[in-house]
Amino acid sequence: MSLFYAYRAATRLLGPAVNLYLNRRKNRGKEDAGRIGERFGHPGAARPKGHLVWIHGASVGESLSALPVIDEIRRRYPSASILVTTGTVTSATMMHARLPKGVVHQFVPIDRQVCVARFLHHWKPDVALWLESDFWPNLLTKAKKAGVKLALLNGRISEKSFKGYSRYPSFIRPVISAFDLILTQSSDETARFESLGAGSVQAVGNLKFAAPPLPADEIELAKLQEQIGSRPVWLASSTFKGEEHIAGEVHKKLAKDHNGVLTIIVPRHPDRADDIEADLIAQGLQVSRRSLGHDITPGTDVYLADTMGELGLFYRIAPIVFMGKTLCASGGQNPLEPARLNCAILHGPDMSNFAAISSEMLACGACRPAADADDLARQVAALLREPETTSKIAKASMDYANSKAEVLDHTMDALRPLMAQKDIKEVDHA
């Protein structure tokens, strides 16, 4: 028996265990209790009439990449309805706030055949557009069998994942071959997909370059700017465990030479806020928490922005941004988001999830790496002392972020034959 069919058998036999696992996640707030049925394939909404384009992104990053695609589909194919699925509560919250009216959101079903069949029977999508690398074997192969035209957008496979998949070709080949079209971020990604058995593969670029700037509430922005006034400020963005402690240590070093400096911390997982606050207080710092409605007062050392979906607000406030998940965790976060909003960007040694982007940004002076916590403190201090240097890096980062927006047109042009095969009519905007 191949590994693919062994996986399929395991998902059937382990059904009760999977159900128990989901219920435990629900009890911990990791699943939406009111919509848990969607994870088992039960629809939470009626299917729109006519053609349906299904777009799937695993979490927040993939969902953000999907937004410009959604806008273009609505513009080019106005007769088609759109279904968006994601797999996390945070992405669902974000999509609820940012999806256009009329676009349906559902949680993606768990990868059991019975749940997948239930989902496909109700929604009957014509075309499915998958973002990046969330490869669910049952969901993809069953969709293919049901006649859905599948395309992978912004396709990527890390070197580590590629090595793992290469050891088990009988598992990955049926999954990869389910896609009628794969559009990758780079020629390196193209080579990896082709090596794994993919058919039609094209390198069109990274859709993250097409994403619009993160939004911000103008009233909240003005309120925070008034509270901060002329204080020097820097931001530790999307931090992981341990990086908040480092940010506190950096703040104490900065405070010796930069009177009134304010540190803003946006943790990647706000549910850790109590522990983060306790650690910062133990360092002797005065903390204000956004989720509790605290203002930024003259005595505030650290503003703990423990909310979701407000990074656009803080990127507009802080001219200097440290990207989290690069010192105490690996992979990094999307540097194009602060770059679009004119920020000077610092990051730790591990930006492996954005290796090509960070390498290109470094080459054009659009970011600076920090080797460790001490180096981060030195670099933030230097940028606070040298506003002209900060502005120069910020301009380079914004120019870079805006340099490849044509990727969206390339993506949509490549999708045209797939849409035509399902008789989804394109409107001529020429």
Protein backbone atom coordinates (compact mmCIF):
# COMPACT_ATOMS: atom_id res chain seq x y z
CA MET A 1 0.00 0.00 0.00
CA SER A 2 1.39 3.44 -0.95
CA LEU A 3 1.77 6.12 1.70
CA PHE A 4 -1.03 8.11 0.08
CA TYR A 5 -3.55 5.32 0.59
CA ALA A 6 -2.14 4.59 4.03
CA TYR A 7 -2.82 8.24 4.90
CA ARG A 8 -6.34 7.96 3.53
CA ALA A 9 -6.99 4.83 5.62
CA ALA A 10 -5.53 6.47 8.71
CA THR A 11 -7.79 9.51 8.42
CA ARG A 12 -10.76 7.16 8.23
CA LEU A 13 -9.75 4.93 11.15
CA LEU A 14 -8.61 7.79 13.37
CA GLY A 15 -11.81 9.76 12.92
CA PRO A 16 -12.85 9.64 16.60
CA ALA A 17 -9.40 10.83 17.68
CA VAL A 18 -9.52 13.69 15.18
CA ASN A 19 -12.94 14.70 16.46
CA LEU A 20 -11.65 14.67 20.05
CA TYR A 21 -8.65 16.77 19.03
CA LEU A 22 -10.89 19.38 17.39
CA ASN A 23 -13.13 19.56 20.45
CA ARG A 24 -10.10 20.11 22.65
CA ARG A 25 -8.97 22.92 20.36
CA LYS A 26 -12.44 24.40 20.61
CA ASN A 27 -12.26 24.33 24.40
CA ARG A 28 -8.92 26.16 24.28
CA GLY A 29 -10.31 28.85 21.97
CA LYS A 30 -8.34 27.56 18.96
CA GLU A 31 -11.57 26.81 17.08
CA ASP A 32 -14.71 28.92 16.68
CA ALA A 33 -17.24 27.13 18.90
CA GLY A 34 -20.18 28.60 17.00
CA ARG A 35 -18.84 27.39 13.64
CA ILE A 36 -17.24 24.08 14.57
CA GLY A 37 -19.63 22.28 12.23
CA GLU A 38 -17.87 23.82 9.24
CA ARG A 39 -14.71 21.92 10.18
CA PHE A 40 -16.71 18.71 9.69
CA GLY A 41 -17.95 19.87 6.29
CA HIS A 42 -21.37 21.12 7.40
CA PRO A 43 -22.17 24.33 5.52
CA GLY A 44 -22.60 27.55 7.44
CA ALA A 45 -24.21 29.35 4.50
CA ALA A 46 -26.18 28.71 1.34
CA ARG A 47 -24.31 28.16 -1.91
CA PRO A 48 -24.61 31.14 -4.25
CA LYS A 49 -26.20 30.43 -7.62
CA GLY A 50 -24.07 30.14 -10.73
CA HIS A 51 -20.34 29.67 -11.04
CA LEU A 52 -18.34 29.46 -7.81
CA VAL A 53 -14.62 30.14 -7.39
CA TRP A 54 -13.21 28.67 -4.19
CA ILE A 55 -10.10 30.31 -2.73
CA HIS A 56 -8.21 28.68 0.13
CA GLY A 57 -5.50 30.11 2.36
CA ALA A 58 -4.32 28.31 5.48
CA SER A 59 -3.91 31.29 7.78
CA VAL A 60 -3.42 35.05 7.93
CA GLY A 61 -0.43 35.37 5.60
CA GLU A 62 -1.97 33.31 2.80
CA SER A 63 -5.33 35.04 3.25
CA LEU A 64 -3.75 38.46 2.85
CA SER A 65 -2.16 37.30 -0.40
CA ALA A 66 -5.62 36.22 -1.57
CA LEU A 67 -7.22 39.65 -1.15
CA PRO A 68 -5.93 41.23 -4.38
CA VAL A 69 -6.84 38.04 -6.26
CA ILE A 70 -10.37 38.26 -4.89
CA ASP A 71 -10.65 41.87 -6.05
CA GLU A 72 -9.41 40.99 -9.54
CA ILE A 73 -11.79 38.04 -9.89
CA ARG A 74 -14.69 40.28 -8.93
CA ARG A 75 -13.54 42.85 -11.50
CA ARG A 76 -12.78 40.45 -14.36
CA TYR A 77 -15.43 37.78 -13.68
CA PRO A 78 -18.37 39.61 -12.07
CA SER A 79 -20.80 36.75 -12.77
CA ALA A 80 -18.83 34.36 -10.55
CA SER A 81 -19.37 34.08 -6.80
CA ILE A 82 -16.46 33.54 -4.42
CA LEU A 83 -16.04 31.20 -1.47
CA VAL A 84 -13.02 31.68 0.80
CA THR A 85 -11.84 29.05 3.27
CA THR A 86 -9.20 29.38 5.97
CA GLY A 87 -8.12 27.16 8.83
CA THR A 88 -7.59 29.44 11.83
CA VAL A 89 -9.70 31.66 14.05
CA THR A 90 -7.33 34.59 13.54
CA SER A 91 -7.56 34.37 9.76
CA ALA A 92 -11.35 34.10 9.95
CA THR A 93 -11.50 37.25 12.08
CA MET A 94 -9.27 39.10 9.65
CA MET A 95 -11.26 37.96 6.62
CA HIS A 96 -14.53 38.94 8.25
CA ALA A 97 -13.19 42.48 8.52
CA ARG A 98 -11.65 42.69 5.05
CA LEU A 99 -13.64 40.53 2.63
CA PRO A 100 -15.86 42.41 0.16
CA LYS A 101 -19.59 42.17 0.61
CA GLY A 102 -21.02 39.04 -0.98
CA VAL A 103 -17.88 36.91 -0.59
CA VAL A 104 -18.62 33.88 1.60
CA HIS A 105 -16.17 32.68 4.25
CA GLN A 106 -16.10 29.16 5.68
CA PHE A 107 -13.64 27.20 7.77
CA VAL A 108 -11.88 24.55 5.69
CA PRO A 109 -13.07 21.03 6.53
CA ILE A 110 -10.69 18.66 8.26
CA ASP A 111 -9.03 16.22 5.88
CA ARG A 112 -11.31 13.23 6.42
CA GLN A 113 -13.07 11.85 3.37
CA VAL A 114 -16.53 12.08 4.90
CA CYS A 115 -16.04 15.75 5.82
CA VAL A 116 -14.51 16.58 2.45
CA ALA A 117 -17.35 14.84 0.60
CA ARG A 118 -19.92 16.76 2.62
CA PHE A 119 -18.20 20.05 1.86
CA LEU A 120 -17.84 19.38 -1.88
CA HIS A 121 -21.40 18.10 -2.22
CA HIS A 122 -22.80 21.35 -0.86
CA TRP A 123 -20.48 23.93 -2.42
CA LYS A 124 -19.77 22.30 -5.81
CA PRO A 125 -16.99 24.76 -6.75
CA ASP A 126 -16.06 25.16 -10.39
CA VAL A 127 -12.51 26.39 -9.82
CA ALA A 128 -10.33 26.18 -6.70
CA LEU A 129 -7.38 28.53 -6.14
CA TRP A 130 -5.00 27.29 -3.45
CA LEU A 131 -2.51 29.64 -1.78
CA GLU A 132 1.11 28.64 -1.19
CA SER A 133 1.53 25.18 0.40
CA ASP A 134 -1.41 23.92 2.45
CA PHE A 135 -1.54 20.47 0.85
CA TRP A 136 -4.42 18.37 2.22
CA PRO A 137 -4.38 15.04 0.32
CA ASN A 138 -8.03 14.05 0.64
CA LEU A 139 -9.38 17.53 0.01
CA LEU A 140 -7.30 18.13 -3.10
CA THR A 141 -7.65 14.71 -4.71
CA LYS A 142 -11.40 14.50 -3.99
CA ALA A 143 -11.91 17.97 -5.44
CA LYS A 144 -10.02 16.89 -8.54
CA LYS A 145 -12.16 13.78 -8.86
CA ALA A 146 -15.30 15.93 -8.52
CA GLY A 147 -14.28 17.89 -11.60
CA VAL A 148 -12.98 21.01 -9.89
CA LYS A 149 -10.24 22.84 -11.80
CA LEU A 150 -7.41 23.41 -9.34
CA ALA A 151 -4.63 26.00 -9.43
CA LEU A 152 -1.93 26.61 -6.85
CA LEU A 153 -1.10 30.30 -6.51
CA ASN A 154 2.06 31.70 -4.95
CA GLY A 155 3.26 28.12 -4.75
CA ARG A 156 6.21 27.44 -2.52
CA ILE A 157 7.97 24.45 -0.99
CA SER A 158 10.78 25.07 1.44
CA GLU A 159 14.05 23.21 0.97
CA LYS A 160 13.32 21.24 4.15
CA SER A 161 9.82 20.24 2.98
CA PHE A 162 11.14 19.37 -0.47
CA LYS A 163 13.68 16.97 1.00
CA GLY A 164 10.94 15.33 3.07
CA TYR A 165 8.51 15.02 0.18
CA SER A 166 11.27 13.63 -2.06
CA ARG A 167 11.70 10.69 0.29
CA TYR A 168 8.02 9.74 -0.10
CA PRO A 169 7.05 10.27 -3.75
CA SER A 170 4.10 7.86 -3.53
CA PHE A 171 2.53 10.22 -1.00
CA ILE A 172 3.15 13.62 -2.54
CA ARG A 173 2.79 12.83 -6.27
CA PRO A 174 -1.01 12.26 -6.24
CA VAL A 175 -1.43 15.47 -4.25
CA ILE A 176 0.76 17.66 -6.46
CA SER A 177 -0.71 16.17 -9.65
CA ALA A 178 -4.20 17.20 -8.54
CA PHE A 179 -3.35 20.75 -9.60
CA ASP A 180 -4.10 21.64 -13.20
CA LEU A 181 -1.82 24.67 -12.89
CA ILE A 182 0.88 25.70 -10.44
CA LEU A 183 2.08 29.31 -10.31
CA THR A 184 5.23 29.65 -8.23
CA GLN A 185 7.11 32.48 -6.56
CA SER A 186 10.44 31.75 -8.25
CA SER A 187 12.31 29.48 -10.65
CA ASP A 188 13.74 27.56 -7.67
CA GLU A 189 10.20 26.73 -6.53
CA THR A 190 9.29 25.72 -10.07
CA ALA A 191 12.16 23.23 -10.19
CA ARG A 192 11.09 21.68 -6.88
CA PHE A 193 7.48 21.23 -7.99
CA GLU A 194 8.52 19.71 -11.31
CA SER A 195 10.85 17.34 -9.50
CA LEU A 196 7.91 16.18 -7.38
CA GLY A 197 5.83 15.38 -10.45
CA ALA A 198 3.90 18.58 -11.14
CA GLY A 199 2.70 19.10 -14.69
CA SER A 200 1.98 22.69 -15.75
CA VAL A 201 4.23 24.96 -13.65
CA GLN A 202 5.07 28.64 -14.22
CA ALA A 203 7.09 31.13 -12.17
CA VAL A 204 5.10 34.39 -12.08
CA GLY A 205 6.40 36.01 -8.88
CA ASN A 206 5.28 36.49 -5.31
CA LEU A 207 1.69 37.64 -4.75
CA LYS A 208 2.72 39.30 -1.50
CA PHE A 209 3.95 42.16 -3.70
CA ALA A 210 0.37 42.72 -4.89
CA ALA A 211 -1.18 43.03 -1.43
CA PRO A 212 -2.55 46.44 -0.48
CA PRO A 213 -1.19 48.30 2.57
CA LEU A 214 -2.57 47.02 5.86
CA PRO A 215 -5.55 49.15 6.93
CA ALA A 216 -5.77 51.37 10.00
CA ASP A 217 -8.58 53.12 11.83
CA GLU A 218 -7.93 56.83 11.28
CA ILE A 219 -9.56 57.85 14.57
CA GLU A 220 -7.47 55.37 16.55
CA LEU A 221 -4.35 56.45 14.68
CA ALA A 222 -4.89 60.11 15.55
CA LYS A 223 -5.62 59.20 19.18
CA LEU A 224 -2.42 57.19 19.59
CA GLN A 225 -0.31 59.79 17.80
CA GLU A 226 -1.61 62.43 20.19
CA GLN A 227 -0.78 60.27 23.21
CA ILE A 228 2.74 59.55 21.94
CA GLY A 229 3.50 63.10 20.88
CA SER A 230 7.18 63.64 20.08
CA ARG A 231 8.48 60.61 21.97
CA PRO A 232 10.97 58.40 20.09
CA VAL A 233 9.25 55.10 19.28
CA TRP A 234 10.11 51.70 17.86
CA LEU A 235 8.05 48.55 17.29
CA ALA A 236 8.68 44.85 17.85
CA SER A 237 6.22 43.24 15.44
CA SER A 238 4.65 39.77 15.44
CA THR A 239 6.92 38.58 18.21
CA PHE A 240 7.27 35.01 19.43
CA LYS A 241 8.03 33.74 22.93
CA GLY A 242 11.30 35.16 24.20
CA GLU A 243 11.37 38.11 21.81
CA GLU A 244 9.17 40.23 24.07
CA HIS A 245 11.72 39.78 26.86
CA ILE A 246 14.45 40.87 24.45
CA ALA A 247 12.37 43.92 23.50
CA GLY A 248 12.15 44.81 27.19
CA GLU A 249 15.93 44.52 27.57
CA VAL A 250 16.43 46.64 24.45
CA HIS A 251 14.09 49.27 25.87
CA LYS A 252 16.11 49.56 29.08
CA LYS A 253 19.31 50.11 27.09
CA LEU A 254 17.65 52.68 24.85
CA ALA A 255 16.18 54.60 27.79
CA LYS A 256 19.67 55.49 29.03
CA ASP A 257 20.31 57.74 26.00
CA HIS A 258 16.84 58.37 24.52
CA ASN A 259 14.64 60.15 27.01
CA GLY A 260 11.00 59.10 26.86
CA VAL A 261 11.54 56.29 24.37
CA LEU A 262 8.43 54.16 23.82
CA THR A 263 8.55 50.49 22.89
CA ILE A 264 5.50 48.98 21.20
CA ILE A 265 5.17 45.19 21.18
CA VAL A 266 2.66 43.37 18.98
CA PRO A 267 2.81 39.66 19.89
CA ARG A 268 1.97 37.19 17.15
CA HIS A 269 -0.30 35.36 19.61
CA PRO A 270 -2.15 37.85 21.84
CA ASP A 271 -3.37 35.05 24.13
CA ARG A 272 0.13 35.13 25.66
CA ALA A 273 -0.36 38.73 26.80
CA ASP A 274 -0.68 37.98 30.53
CA ASP A 275 2.65 36.16 30.57
CA ILE A 276 4.30 38.84 28.45
CA GLU A 277 3.06 41.61 30.73
CA ALA A 278 4.25 39.77 33.84
CA ASP A 279 7.72 39.31 32.36
CA LEU A 280 8.00 42.97 31.35
CA ILE A 281 6.86 44.15 34.78
CA ALA A 282 9.44 41.84 36.36
CA GLN A 283 12.05 43.74 34.32
CA GLY A 284 10.90 46.94 36.05
CA LEU A 285 8.96 48.31 33.10
CA GLN A 286 5.61 50.07 33.14
CA VAL A 287 3.23 48.39 30.72
CA SER A 288 0.01 49.64 29.12
CA ARG A 289 -2.20 47.06 27.41
CA ARG A 290 -4.32 47.87 24.41
CA SER A 291 -6.79 45.03 24.97
CA LEU A 292 -7.61 46.49 28.40
CA GLY A 293 -8.18 49.98 27.03
CA HIS A 294 -5.08 51.49 28.61
CA ASP A 295 -3.85 54.81 27.27
CA ILE A 296 -0.21 55.53 26.51
CA THR A 297 0.79 57.82 29.37
CA PRO A 298 4.06 59.71 29.91
CA GLY A 299 5.05 56.91 32.29
CA THR A 300 4.38 54.07 29.82
CA ASP A 301 7.57 52.25 28.88
CA VAL A 302 5.99 49.48 26.79
CA TYR A 303 2.69 49.57 24.96
CA LEU A 304 1.56 45.95 24.63
CA ALA A 305 -0.71 45.86 21.58
CA ASP A 306 -2.34 42.53 22.38
CA THR A 307 -5.07 42.72 19.74
CA MET A 308 -5.56 41.21 16.30
CA GLY A 309 -5.67 42.91 12.93
CA GLU A 310 -4.12 46.25 13.91
CA LEU A 311 -0.57 45.99 12.60
CA GLY A 312 -1.38 48.62 9.98
CA LEU A 313 -2.03 51.04 12.83
CA PHE A 314 1.33 50.48 14.47
CA TYR A 315 3.35 50.44 11.26
CA ARG A 316 2.02 53.95 10.65
CA ILE A 317 3.14 55.03 14.12
CA ALA A 318 6.60 53.47 14.44
CA PRO A 319 9.34 54.50 11.99
CA ILE A 320 11.58 51.62 13.14
CA VAL A 321 10.28 48.03 13.07
CA PHE A 322 11.86 44.80 14.26
CA MET A 323 10.37 41.72 12.59
CA GLY A 324 9.58 38.95 15.06
CA LYS A 325 10.07 35.22 14.69
CA THR A 326 13.68 35.90 13.72
CA LEU A 327 15.57 35.80 17.03
CA CYS A 328 13.82 33.26 19.26
CA ALA A 329 11.94 31.38 16.54
CA SER A 330 12.72 30.66 12.91
CA GLY A 331 11.28 31.77 9.61
CA GLY A 332 10.43 35.42 10.04
CA GLN A 333 7.34 37.43 9.15
CA ASN A 334 6.37 39.30 5.99
CA PRO A 335 8.65 42.38 5.72
CA LEU A 336 6.64 43.82 2.82
CA GLU A 337 3.86 44.86 5.20
CA PRO A 338 5.93 47.44 7.13
CA ALA A 339 7.88 48.27 3.96
CA ARG A 340 4.70 49.48 2.23
CA LEU A 341 4.11 51.85 5.15
CA ASN A 342 7.52 53.54 5.06
CA CYS A 343 9.23 51.73 7.94
CA ALA A 344 12.93 51.09 8.47
CA ILE A 345 13.12 47.33 9.01
CA LEU A 346 15.36 45.28 11.26
CA HIS A 347 15.26 41.51 11.63
CA GLY A 348 17.13 38.69 13.33
CA PRO A 349 19.33 36.11 11.59
CA ASP A 350 16.53 33.76 10.46
CA MET A 351 14.27 35.05 7.67
CA SER A 352 14.11 31.67 5.93
CA ASN A 353 10.37 31.93 5.14
CA PHE A 354 11.15 35.11 3.20
CA ALA A 355 14.69 34.30 2.12
CA ALA A 356 14.52 35.74 -1.40
CA ILE A 357 12.69 38.88 -0.32
CA SER A 358 14.96 39.60 2.64
CA SER A 359 18.06 38.97 0.51
CA GLU A 360 16.88 41.40 -2.16
CA MET A 361 15.90 43.98 0.46
CA LEU A 362 19.31 43.71 2.10
CA ALA A 363 21.02 44.15 -1.28
CA CYS A 364 19.19 47.42 -1.95
CA GLY A 365 19.54 48.81 1.56
CA ALA A 366 15.89 48.25 2.49
CA CYS A 367 16.52 46.37 5.74
CA ARG A 368 19.25 45.56 8.24
CA PRO A 369 19.93 42.27 10.02
CA ALA A 370 20.65 42.06 13.74
CA ALA A 371 22.85 39.17 14.83
CA ASP A 372 21.48 38.93 18.38
CA ALA A 373 19.73 40.88 21.15
CA ASP A 374 22.73 43.14 21.84
CA ASP A 375 23.09 43.93 18.15
CA LEU A 376 19.38 44.72 17.93
CA ALA A 377 19.75 47.24 20.76
CA ARG A 378 22.71 48.86 19.01
CA GLN A 379 20.88 49.07 15.70
CA VAL A 380 17.68 50.54 17.13
CA ALA A 381 19.73 53.08 19.07
CA ALA A 382 21.64 54.05 15.93
CA LEU A 383 18.45 54.58 13.95
CA LEU A 384 16.92 56.67 16.72
CA ARG A 385 20.07 58.84 16.68
CA GLU A 386 20.14 59.12 12.90
CA PRO A 387 16.68 59.98 11.52
CA GLU A 388 18.12 60.64 8.07
CA THR A 389 19.45 57.08 7.91
CA THR A 390 16.10 55.78 9.15
CA SER A 391 14.29 57.70 6.41
CA LYS A 392 16.71 56.43 3.77
CA ILE A 393 16.14 52.79 4.75
CA ALA A 394 12.38 53.35 4.93
CA LYS A 395 12.29 54.87 1.44
CA ALA A 396 14.32 51.98 0.05
CA SER A 397 11.95 49.49 1.66
CA MET A 398 8.86 51.23 0.28
CA ASP A 399 10.38 51.44 -3.20
CA TYR A 400 11.20 47.74 -3.07
CA ALA A 401 7.72 46.77 -1.84
CA ASN A 402 6.15 48.62 -4.77
CA SER A 403 8.55 47.28 -7.40
CA LYS A 404 6.78 44.06 -8.44
CA ALA A 405 3.06 44.76 -8.41
CA GLU A 406 2.74 43.35 -11.96
CA VAL A 407 2.69 39.84 -10.43
CA LEU A 408 -1.08 40.15 -10.04
CA ASP A 409 -1.60 40.68 -13.77
CA HIS A 410 0.72 37.77 -14.55
CA THR A 411 -1.25 35.56 -12.18
CA MET A 412 -4.63 36.50 -13.59
CA ASP A 413 -3.44 36.08 -17.18
CA ALA A 414 -2.20 32.57 -16.36
CA LEU A 415 -5.57 31.69 -14.81
CA ARG A 416 -7.59 32.78 -17.85
CA PRO A 417 -7.57 29.38 -19.66
CA LEU A 418 -8.62 27.59 -16.47
CA MET A 419 -11.58 29.91 -15.98
CA ALA A 420 -12.55 29.53 -19.63
CA GLN A 421 -12.62 25.74 -19.30
CA LYS A 422 -15.46 26.19 -16.80
CA ASP A 423 -17.16 28.76 -19.04
CA ILE A 424 -16.66 31.56 -16.51
CA LYS A 425 -16.96 34.66 -18.67
CA GLU A 426 -14.38 37.42 -18.43
CA VAL A 427 -15.48 41.02 -18.84
CA ASP A 428 -13.37 43.07 -21.23
CA HIS A 429 -12.12 46.19 -19.42
CA ALA A 430 -9.90 47.37 -22.25
